[in-house]
């Protein structure tokens, strides 16, 4: 009976560490695996030592015909315009890290 309680507390603490890693937006699978294999203390050390990836949005201009992305604003796609097509570029936001 004591072993069942110990295993239950152990697994619950592993899942708590994984949930904390998920909320911090770091690799929660790795935190869970480290917590189960090493100990929840090892998972907590992994959790404390990693910082979340900070993503920001950056403007890009995409051609609908050829799919190229451009960083500078232009009226038409220069590659498609060279082929004789006047395709306007669409303004989109891309996640950058």
PDB file of N, CA and C in Angstrom:
ATOM      1  N   UNK A   1       0.820  -1.192   0.000  1.00  0.00           N
ATOM      2  CA  UNK A   1       0.000   0.000   0.000  1.00  0.00           C
ATOM      3  C   UNK A   1       0.866   1.260   0.000  1.00  0.00           C
ATOM      4  N   UNK A   2       1.960   1.223   0.743  1.00  0.00           N
ATOM      5  CA  UNK A   2       2.860   2.372   0.772  1.00  0.00           C
ATOM      6  C   UNK A   2       3.523   2.591  -0.583  1.00  0.00           C
ATOM      7  N   UNK A   3       3.805   1.493  -1.289  1.00  0.00           N
ATOM      8  CA  UNK A   3       4.431   1.596  -2.605  1.00  0.00           C
ATOM      9  C   UNK A   3       3.482   2.268  -3.606  1.00  0.00           C
ATOM     10  N   UNK A   4       2.212   1.952  -3.541  1.00  0.00           N
ATOM     11  CA  UNK A   4       1.228   2.561  -4.439  1.00  0.00           C
ATOM     12  C   UNK A   4       1.132   4.063  -4.181  1.00  0.00           C
ATOM     13  N   UNK A   5       1.146   4.452  -2.932  1.00  0.00           N
ATOM     14  CA  UNK A   5       1.095   5.879  -2.590  1.00  0.00           C
ATOM     15  C   UNK A   5       2.354   6.580  -3.077  1.00  0.00           C
ATOM     16  N   UNK A   6       3.522   5.951  -2.893  1.00  0.00           N
ATOM     17  CA  UNK A   6       4.785   6.538  -3.341  1.00  0.00           C
ATOM     18  C   UNK A   6       4.792   6.720  -4.858  1.00  0.00           C
ATOM     19  N   UNK A   7       4.381   5.685  -5.593  1.00  0.00           N
ATOM     20  CA  UNK A   7       4.365   5.768  -7.059  1.00  0.00           C
ATOM     21  C   UNK A   7       3.362   6.823  -7.525  1.00  0.00           C
ATOM     22  N   UNK A   8       2.220   6.910  -6.867  1.00  0.00           N
ATOM     23  CA  UNK A   8       1.212   7.915  -7.228  1.00  0.00           C
ATOM     24  C   UNK A   8       1.745   9.329  -7.024  1.00  0.00           C
ATOM     25  N   UNK A   9       2.368   9.577  -5.892  1.00  0.00           N
ATOM     26  CA  UNK A   9       2.936  10.904  -5.614  1.00  0.00           C
ATOM     27  C   UNK A   9       4.061  11.213  -6.597  1.00  0.00           C
ATOM     28  N   UNK A  10       4.882  10.215  -6.912  1.00  0.00           N
ATOM     29  CA  UNK A  10       5.987  10.375  -7.852  1.00  0.00           C
ATOM     30  C   UNK A  10       5.463  10.773  -9.231  1.00  0.00           C
ATOM     31  N   UNK A  11       4.473  10.047  -9.739  1.00  0.00           N
ATOM     32  CA  UNK A  11       3.941  10.336 -11.070  1.00  0.00           C
ATOM     33  C   UNK A  11       3.183  11.665 -11.108  1.00  0.00           C
ATOM     34  N   UNK A  12       2.454  11.972 -10.055  1.00  0.00           N
ATOM     35  CA  UNK A  12       1.751  13.255 -10.011  1.00  0.00           C
ATOM     36  C   UNK A  12       2.748  14.407 -10.026  1.00  0.00           C
ATOM     37  N   UNK A  13       3.841  14.277  -9.285  1.00  0.00           N
ATOM     38  CA  UNK A  13       4.848  15.343  -9.290  1.00  0.00           C
ATOM     39  C   UNK A  13       5.525  15.449 -10.658  1.00  0.00           C
ATOM     40  N   UNK A  14       5.707  14.321 -11.355  1.00  0.00           N
ATOM     41  CA  UNK A  14       6.270  14.363 -12.712  1.00  0.00           C
ATOM     42  C   UNK A  14       5.338  15.107 -13.661  1.00  0.00           C
ATOM     43  N   UNK A  15       4.048  14.838 -13.554  1.00  0.00           N
ATOM     44  CA  UNK A  15       3.087  15.525 -14.417  1.00  0.00           C
ATOM     45  C   UNK A  15       2.952  17.005 -14.058  1.00  0.00           C
ATOM     46  N   UNK A  16       3.122  17.337 -12.805  1.00  0.00           N
ATOM     47  CA  UNK A  16       3.097  18.751 -12.403  1.00  0.00           C
ATOM     48  C   UNK A  16       4.280  19.492 -13.020  1.00  0.00           C
ATOM     49  N   UNK A  17       5.455  18.879 -12.998  1.00  0.00           N
ATOM     50  CA  UNK A  17       6.642  19.484 -13.630  1.00  0.00           C
ATOM     51  C   UNK A  17       6.407  19.649 -15.130  1.00  0.00           C
ATOM     52  N   UNK A  18       5.831  18.625 -15.776  1.00  0.00           N
ATOM     53  CA  UNK A  18       5.551  18.711 -17.212  1.00  0.00           C
ATOM     54  C   UNK A  18       4.535  19.814 -17.503  1.00  0.00           C
ATOM     55  N   UNK A  19       3.525  19.961 -16.662  1.00  0.00           N
ATOM     56  CA  UNK A  19       2.533  21.021 -16.858  1.00  0.00           C
ATOM     57  C   UNK A  19       3.158  22.398 -16.674  1.00  0.00           C
ATOM     58  N   UNK A  20       4.042  22.534 -15.707  1.00  0.00           N
ATOM     59  CA  UNK A  20       4.733  23.810 -15.508  1.00  0.00           C
ATOM     60  C   UNK A  20       5.596  24.148 -16.722  1.00  0.00           C
ATOM     61  N   UNK A  21       6.259  23.135 -17.302  1.00  0.00           N
ATOM     62  CA  UNK A  21       7.066  23.351 -18.506  1.00  0.00           C
ATOM     63  C   UNK A  21       6.178  23.736 -19.686  1.00  0.00           C
ATOM     64  N   UNK A  22       5.008  23.131 -19.782  1.00  0.00           N
ATOM     65  CA  UNK A  22       4.061  23.478 -20.848  1.00  0.00           C
ATOM     66  C   UNK A  22       3.608  24.928 -20.721  1.00  0.00           C
ATOM     67  N   UNK A  23       3.323  25.363 -19.514  1.00  0.00           N
ATOM     68  CA  UNK A  23       2.895  26.742 -19.292  1.00  0.00           C
ATOM     69  C   UNK A  23       4.022  27.735 -19.592  1.00  0.00           C
ATOM     70  N   UNK A  24       5.267  27.310 -19.380  1.00  0.00           N
ATOM     71  CA  UNK A  24       6.425  28.166 -19.649  1.00  0.00           C
ATOM     72  C   UNK A  24       6.804  28.138 -21.131  1.00  0.00           C
ATOM     73  N   UNK A  25       6.166  27.268 -21.906  1.00  0.00           N
ATOM     74  CA  UNK A  25       6.391  27.093 -23.341  1.00  0.00           C
ATOM     75  C   UNK A  25       7.794  26.588 -23.648  1.00  0.00           C
ATOM     76  N   UNK A  26       8.208  25.597 -22.880  1.00  0.00           N
ATOM     77  CA  UNK A  26       9.436  24.872 -23.197  1.00  0.00           C
ATOM     78  C   UNK A  26       9.045  23.420 -23.468  1.00  0.00           C
ATOM     79  N   UNK A  27       9.992  22.599 -23.821  1.00  0.00           N
ATOM     80  CA  UNK A  27       9.727  21.217 -24.214  1.00  0.00           C
ATOM     81  C   UNK A  27       9.216  20.413 -23.020  1.00  0.00           C
ATOM     82  N   UNK A  28       7.897  20.272 -22.937  1.00  0.00           N
ATOM     83  CA  UNK A  28       7.309  19.600 -21.778  1.00  0.00           C
ATOM     84  C   UNK A  28       7.477  18.088 -21.849  1.00  0.00           C
ATOM     85  N   UNK A  29       7.606  17.533 -23.063  1.00  0.00           N
ATOM     86  CA  UNK A  29       7.864  16.085 -23.171  1.00  0.00           C
ATOM     87  C   UNK A  29       9.212  15.739 -22.542  1.00  0.00           C
ATOM     88  N   UNK A  30      10.205  16.551 -22.825  1.00  0.00           N
ATOM     89  CA  UNK A  30      11.529  16.305 -22.261  1.00  0.00           C
ATOM     90  C   UNK A  30      11.516  16.474 -20.748  1.00  0.00           C
ATOM     91  N   UNK A  31      10.781  17.454 -20.261  1.00  0.00           N
ATOM     92  CA  UNK A  31      10.659  17.643 -18.811  1.00  0.00           C
ATOM     93  C   UNK A  31       9.988  16.439 -18.166  1.00  0.00           C
ATOM     94  N   UNK A  32       8.978  15.885 -18.828  1.00  0.00           N
ATOM     95  CA  UNK A  32       8.298  14.697 -18.300  1.00  0.00           C
ATOM     96  C   UNK A  32       9.218  13.484 -18.304  1.00  0.00           C
ATOM     97  N   UNK A  33       9.949  13.294 -19.386  1.00  0.00           N
ATOM     98  CA  UNK A  33      10.857  12.140 -19.477  1.00  0.00           C
ATOM     99  C   UNK A  33      11.971  12.247 -18.443  1.00  0.00           C
ATOM    100  N   UNK A  34      12.550  13.434 -18.297  1.00  0.00           N
ATOM    101  CA  UNK A  34      13.596  13.619 -17.289  1.00  0.00           C
ATOM    102  C   UNK A  34      13.032  13.397 -15.897  1.00  0.00           C
ATOM    103  N   UNK A  35      11.825  13.879 -15.652  1.00  0.00           N
ATOM    104  CA  UNK A  35      11.215  13.704 -14.332  1.00  0.00           C
ATOM    105  C   UNK A  35      10.958  12.240 -14.020  1.00  0.00           C
ATOM    106  N   UNK A  36      10.513  11.476 -14.995  1.00  0.00           N
ATOM    107  CA  UNK A  36      10.215  10.057 -14.757  1.00  0.00           C
ATOM    108  C   UNK A  36      11.498   9.250 -14.634  1.00  0.00           C
ATOM    109  N   UNK A  37      12.458   9.473 -15.534  1.00  0.00           N
ATOM    110  CA  UNK A  37      13.675   8.650 -15.539  1.00  0.00           C
ATOM    111  C   UNK A  37      14.625   9.049 -14.418  1.00  0.00           C
ATOM    112  N   UNK A  38      14.913  10.336 -14.286  1.00  0.00           N
ATOM    113  CA  UNK A  38      15.865  10.770 -13.259  1.00  0.00           C
ATOM    114  C   UNK A  38      15.115  10.887 -11.931  1.00  0.00           C
ATOM    115  N   UNK A  39      14.491  12.003 -11.703  1.00  0.00           N
ATOM    116  CA  UNK A  39      13.582  12.236 -10.567  1.00  0.00           C
ATOM    117  C   UNK A  39      12.829  13.517 -10.878  1.00  0.00           C
ATOM    118  N   UNK A  40      11.768  13.814 -10.170  1.00  0.00           N
ATOM    119  CA  UNK A  40      11.126  15.110 -10.362  1.00  0.00           C
ATOM    120  C   UNK A  40      12.061  16.282 -10.042  1.00  0.00           C
ATOM    121  N   UNK A  41      13.054  16.058  -9.211  1.00  0.00           N
ATOM    122  CA  UNK A  41      14.039  17.112  -8.930  1.00  0.00           C
ATOM    123  C   UNK A  41      14.845  17.414 -10.194  1.00  0.00           C
ATOM    124  N   UNK A  42      15.225  16.373 -10.944  1.00  0.00           N
ATOM    125  CA  UNK A  42      15.927  16.576 -12.213  1.00  0.00           C
ATOM    126  C   UNK A  42      15.065  17.298 -13.223  1.00  0.00           C
ATOM    127  N   UNK A  43      13.784  16.960 -13.278  1.00  0.00           N
ATOM    128  CA  UNK A  43      12.860  17.669 -14.157  1.00  0.00           C
ATOM    129  C   UNK A  43      12.701  19.115 -13.759  1.00  0.00           C
ATOM    130  N   UNK A  44      12.699  19.387 -12.454  1.00  0.00           N
ATOM    131  CA  UNK A  44      12.587  20.765 -11.983  1.00  0.00           C
ATOM    132  C   UNK A  44      13.846  21.555 -12.321  1.00  0.00           C
ATOM    133  N   UNK A  45      15.004  20.925 -12.243  1.00  0.00           N
ATOM    134  CA  UNK A  45      16.252  21.597 -12.639  1.00  0.00           C
ATOM    135  C   UNK A  45      16.210  21.934 -14.128  1.00  0.00           C
ATOM    136  N   UNK A  46      15.722  20.990 -14.944  1.00  0.00           N
ATOM    137  CA  UNK A  46      15.559  21.266 -16.380  1.00  0.00           C
ATOM    138  C   UNK A  46      14.593  22.431 -16.591  1.00  0.00           C
ATOM    139  N   UNK A  47      13.502  22.435 -15.859  1.00  0.00           N
ATOM    140  CA  UNK A  47      12.494  23.498 -15.963  1.00  0.00           C
ATOM    141  C   UNK A  47      13.088  24.861 -15.609  1.00  0.00           C
ATOM    142  N   UNK A  48      13.869  24.927 -14.554  1.00  0.00           N
ATOM    143  CA  UNK A  48      14.442  26.197 -14.114  1.00  0.00           C
ATOM    144  C   UNK A  48      15.565  26.686 -15.027  1.00  0.00           C
ATOM    145  N   UNK A  49      16.275  25.762 -15.677  1.00  0.00           N
ATOM    146  CA  UNK A  49      17.447  26.158 -16.458  1.00  0.00           C
ATOM    147  C   UNK A  49      17.116  26.570 -17.890  1.00  0.00           C
ATOM    148  N   UNK A  50      15.893  26.360 -18.343  1.00  0.00           N
ATOM    149  CA  UNK A  50      15.523  26.713 -19.714  1.00  0.00           C
ATOM    150  C   UNK A  50      14.599  27.914 -19.734  1.00  0.00           C
ATOM    151  N   UNK A  51      14.823  28.752 -20.733  1.00  0.00           N
ATOM    152  CA  UNK A  51      13.975  29.920 -20.945  1.00  0.00           C
ATOM    153  C   UNK A  51      13.096  29.673 -22.162  1.00  0.00           C
ATOM    154  N   UNK A  52      11.895  30.225 -22.175  1.00  0.00           N
ATOM    155  CA  UNK A  52      11.029  30.027 -23.338  1.00  0.00           C
ATOM    156  C   UNK A  52      11.574  30.763 -24.557  1.00  0.00           C
ATOM    157  N   UNK A  53      11.239  30.239 -25.729  1.00  0.00           N
ATOM    158  CA  UNK A  53      11.632  30.879 -26.975  1.00  0.00           C
ATOM    159  C   UNK A  53      10.726  32.081 -27.192  1.00  0.00           C
ATOM    160  N   UNK A  54      11.336  33.212 -27.429  1.00  0.00           N
ATOM    161  CA  UNK A  54      10.564  34.433 -27.643  1.00  0.00           C
ATOM    162  C   UNK A  54      10.423  34.664 -29.144  1.00  0.00           C
ATOM    163  N   UNK A  55       9.207  34.559 -29.620  1.00  0.00           N
ATOM    164  CA  UNK A  55       8.927  34.771 -31.035  1.00  0.00           C
ATOM    165  C   UNK A  55       8.309  36.150 -31.224  1.00  0.00           C
ATOM    166  N   UNK A  56       8.642  36.763 -32.334  1.00  0.00           N
ATOM    167  CA  UNK A  56       8.060  38.053 -32.676  1.00  0.00           C
ATOM    168  C   UNK A  56       7.631  38.015 -34.138  1.00  0.00           C
ATOM    169  N   UNK A  57       6.739  38.892 -34.494  1.00  0.00           N
ATOM    170  CA  UNK A  57       6.204  38.947 -35.857  1.00  0.00           C
ATOM    171  C   UNK A  57       7.017  39.927 -36.697  1.00  0.00           C
ATOM    172  N   UNK A  58       7.253  39.540 -37.940  1.00  0.00           N
ATOM    173  CA  UNK A  58       7.961  40.402 -38.875  1.00  0.00           C
ATOM    174  C   UNK A  58       7.183  40.434 -40.185  1.00  0.00           C
ATOM    175  N   UNK A  59       7.156  41.582 -40.822  1.00  0.00           N
ATOM    176  CA  UNK A  59       6.392  41.755 -42.058  1.00  0.00           C
ATOM    177  C   UNK A  59       7.159  41.154 -43.228  1.00  0.00           C
ATOM    178  N   UNK A  60       6.467  40.379 -44.027  1.00  0.00           N
ATOM    179  CA  UNK A  60       6.991  39.836 -45.279  1.00  0.00           C
ATOM    180  C   UNK A  60       5.946  40.081 -46.358  1.00  0.00           C
ATOM    181  N   UNK A  61       6.390  40.046 -47.589  1.00  0.00           N
ATOM    182  CA  UNK A  61       5.500  40.229 -48.728  1.00  0.00           C
ATOM    183  C   UNK A  61       5.610  38.976 -49.585  1.00  0.00           C
ATOM    184  N   UNK A  62       4.475  38.319 -49.821  1.00  0.00           N
ATOM    185  CA  UNK A  62       4.467  37.021 -50.502  1.00  0.00           C
ATOM    186  C   UNK A  62       3.771  37.133 -51.852  1.00  0.00           C
ATOM    187  N   UNK A  63       4.388  36.503 -52.838  1.00  0.00           N
ATOM    188  CA  UNK A  63       3.786  36.413 -54.159  1.00  0.00           C
ATOM    189  C   UNK A  63       2.827  35.224 -54.163  1.00  0.00           C
ATOM    190  N   UNK A  64       1.606  35.439 -54.627  1.00  0.00           N
ATOM    191  CA  UNK A  64       0.613  34.371 -54.649  1.00  0.00           C
ATOM    192  C   UNK A  64       0.885  33.367 -55.767  1.00  0.00           C
ATOM    193  N   UNK A  65       1.595  33.771 -56.798  1.00  0.00           N
ATOM    194  CA  UNK A  65       1.843  32.891 -57.940  1.00  0.00           C
ATOM    195  C   UNK A  65       3.048  31.977 -57.712  1.00  0.00           C
ATOM    196  N   UNK A  66       4.187  32.572 -57.364  1.00  0.00           N
ATOM    197  CA  UNK A  66       5.413  31.771 -57.241  1.00  0.00           C
ATOM    198  C   UNK A  66       5.735  31.384 -55.802  1.00  0.00           C
ATOM    199  N   UNK A  67       5.145  32.064 -54.824  1.00  0.00           N
ATOM    200  CA  UNK A  67       5.342  31.687 -53.428  1.00  0.00           C
ATOM    201  C   UNK A  67       6.577  32.271 -52.769  1.00  0.00           C
ATOM    202  N   UNK A  68       7.303  33.149 -53.453  1.00  0.00           N
ATOM    203  CA  UNK A  68       8.489  33.756 -52.849  1.00  0.00           C
ATOM    204  C   UNK A  68       8.094  34.801 -51.813  1.00  0.00           C
ATOM    205  N   UNK A  69       8.937  34.922 -50.787  1.00  0.00           N
ATOM    206  CA  UNK A  69       8.753  35.937 -49.748  1.00  0.00           C
ATOM    207  C   UNK A  69       9.782  37.040 -49.955  1.00  0.00           C
ATOM    208  N   UNK A  70       9.358  38.272 -49.755  1.00  0.00           N
ATOM    209  CA  UNK A  70      10.248  39.421 -49.895  1.00  0.00           C
ATOM    210  C   UNK A  70      10.202  40.244 -48.619  1.00  0.00           C
ATOM    211  N   UNK A  71      11.342  40.812 -48.235  1.00  0.00           N
ATOM    212  CA  UNK A  71      11.391  41.643 -47.035  1.00  0.00           C
ATOM    213  C   UNK A  71      11.100  43.102 -47.345  1.00  0.00           C
ATOM    214  N   UNK A  72      11.310  43.501 -48.576  1.00  0.00           N
ATOM    215  CA  UNK A  72      11.089  44.888 -48.965  1.00  0.00           C
ATOM    216  C   UNK A  72       9.773  45.012 -49.717  1.00  0.00           C
ATOM    217  N   UNK A  73       9.077  46.104 -49.455  1.00  0.00           N
ATOM    218  CA  UNK A  73       7.783  46.320 -50.086  1.00  0.00           C
ATOM    219  C   UNK A  73       7.968  46.646 -51.561  1.00  0.00           C
ATOM    220  N   UNK A  74       7.165  46.007 -52.389  1.00  0.00           N
ATOM    221  CA  UNK A  74       7.155  46.266 -53.824  1.00  0.00           C
ATOM    222  C   UNK A  74       5.713  46.142 -54.312  1.00  0.00           C
ATOM    223  N   UNK A  75       5.432  46.743 -55.446  1.00  0.00           N
ATOM    224  CA  UNK A  75       4.075  46.683 -55.981  1.00  0.00           C
ATOM    225  C   UNK A  75       3.777  45.312 -56.567  1.00  0.00           C
ATOM    226  N   UNK A  76       4.719  44.795 -57.362  1.00  0.00           N
ATOM    227  CA  UNK A  76       4.538  43.501 -58.009  1.00  0.00           C
ATOM    228  C   UNK A  76       5.731  42.601 -57.721  1.00  0.00           C
ATOM    229  N   UNK A  77       5.532  41.313 -57.903  1.00  0.00           N
ATOM    230  CA  UNK A  77       6.618  40.338 -57.732  1.00  0.00           C
ATOM    231  C   UNK A  77       7.627  40.530 -58.862  1.00  0.00           C
ATOM    232  N   UNK A  78       8.908  40.769 -58.543  1.00  0.00           N
ATOM    233  CA  UNK A  78       9.885  41.011 -59.610  1.00  0.00           C
ATOM    234  C   UNK A  78      10.140  39.777 -60.476  1.00  0.00           C
ATOM    235  N   UNK A  79      10.031  38.581 -59.915  1.00  0.00           N
ATOM    236  CA  UNK A  79      10.268  37.365 -60.698  1.00  0.00           C
ATOM    237  C   UNK A  79       9.119  37.108 -61.671  1.00  0.00           C
ATOM    238  N   UNK A  80       7.893  37.271 -61.184  1.00  0.00           N
ATOM    239  CA  UNK A  80       6.737  37.074 -62.056  1.00  0.00           C
ATOM    240  C   UNK A  80       6.622  38.200 -63.082  1.00  0.00           C
ATOM    241  N   UNK A  81       7.025  39.402 -62.691  1.00  0.00           N
ATOM    242  CA  UNK A  81       6.990  40.537 -63.611  1.00  0.00           C
ATOM    243  C   UNK A  81       7.991  40.326 -64.745  1.00  0.00           C
ATOM    244  N   UNK A  82       9.114  39.675 -64.432  1.00  0.00           N
ATOM    245  CA  UNK A  82      10.106  39.352 -65.458  1.00  0.00           C
ATOM    246  C   UNK A  82       9.532  38.341 -66.455  1.00  0.00           C
ATOM    247  N   UNK A  83       8.628  37.466 -65.975  1.00  0.00           N
ATOM    248  CA  UNK A  83       7.978  36.483 -66.851  1.00  0.00           C
ATOM    249  C   UNK A  83       6.775  37.061 -67.590  1.00  0.00           C
ATOM    250  N   UNK A  84       6.406  38.301 -67.287  1.00  0.00           N
ATOM    251  CA  UNK A  84       5.294  38.941 -67.977  1.00  0.00           C
ATOM    252  C   UNK A  84       4.000  38.959 -67.184  1.00  0.00           C
ATOM    253  N   UNK A  85       4.014  38.532 -65.923  1.00  0.00           N
ATOM    254  CA  UNK A  85       2.820  38.531 -65.078  1.00  0.00           C
ATOM    255  C   UNK A  85       2.935  39.656 -64.054  1.00  0.00           C
ATOM    256  N   UNK A  86       1.837  40.355 -63.828  1.00  0.00           N
ATOM    257  CA  UNK A  86       1.815  41.425 -62.822  1.00  0.00           C
ATOM    258  C   UNK A  86       1.005  40.923 -61.629  1.00  0.00           C
ATOM    259  N   UNK A  87       1.685  40.280 -60.696  1.00  0.00           N
ATOM    260  CA  UNK A  87       1.047  39.710 -59.513  1.00  0.00           C
ATOM    261  C   UNK A  87       1.349  40.616 -58.322  1.00  0.00           C
ATOM    262  N   UNK A  88       0.319  41.201 -57.693  1.00  0.00           N
ATOM    263  CA  UNK A  88       0.588  42.043 -56.513  1.00  0.00           C
ATOM    264  C   UNK A  88       1.026  41.189 -55.323  1.00  0.00           C
ATOM    265  N   UNK A  89       1.899  41.762 -54.504  1.00  0.00           N
ATOM    266  CA  UNK A  89       2.391  41.057 -53.325  1.00  0.00           C
ATOM    267  C   UNK A  89       1.410  41.223 -52.173  1.00  0.00           C
ATOM    268  N   UNK A  90       1.252  40.157 -51.399  1.00  0.00           N
ATOM    269  CA  UNK A  90       0.348  40.170 -50.251  1.00  0.00           C
ATOM    270  C   UNK A  90       1.173  40.348 -48.978  1.00  0.00           C
ATOM    271  N   UNK A  91       0.749  41.269 -48.129  1.00  0.00           N
ATOM    272  CA  UNK A  91       1.449  41.535 -46.868  1.00  0.00           C
ATOM    273  C   UNK A  91       1.039  40.477 -45.844  1.00  0.00           C
ATOM    274  N   UNK A  92       2.043  39.790 -45.266  1.00  0.00           N
ATOM    275  CA  UNK A  92       1.785  38.789 -44.232  1.00  0.00           C
ATOM    276  C   UNK A  92       2.766  39.002 -43.083  1.00  0.00           C
ATOM    277  N   UNK A  93       2.452  38.396 -41.951  1.00  0.00           N
ATOM    278  CA  UNK A  93       3.321  38.458 -40.777  1.00  0.00           C
ATOM    279  C   UNK A  93       3.857  37.062 -40.501  1.00  0.00           C
ATOM    280  N   UNK A  94       5.176  36.960 -40.338  1.00  0.00           N
ATOM    281  CA  UNK A  94       5.849  35.687 -40.137  1.00  0.00           C
ATOM    282  C   UNK A  94       6.440  35.660 -38.734  1.00  0.00           C
ATOM    283  N   UNK A  95       6.330  34.511 -38.051  1.00  0.00           N
ATOM    284  CA  UNK A  95       6.939  34.357 -36.731  1.00  0.00           C
ATOM    285  C   UNK A  95       8.449  34.224 -36.867  1.00  0.00           C
ATOM    286  N   UNK A  96       9.176  35.015 -36.106  1.00  0.00           N
ATOM    287  CA  UNK A  96      10.637  34.978 -36.102  1.00  0.00           C
ATOM    288  C   UNK A  96      11.109  34.690 -34.682  1.00  0.00           C
ATOM    289  N   UNK A  97      12.250  34.022 -34.561  1.00  0.00           N
ATOM    290  CA  UNK A  97      12.807  33.734 -33.232  1.00  0.00           C
ATOM    291  C   UNK A  97      14.140  34.411 -33.066  1.00  0.00           C
TER     292      UNK A  97
END
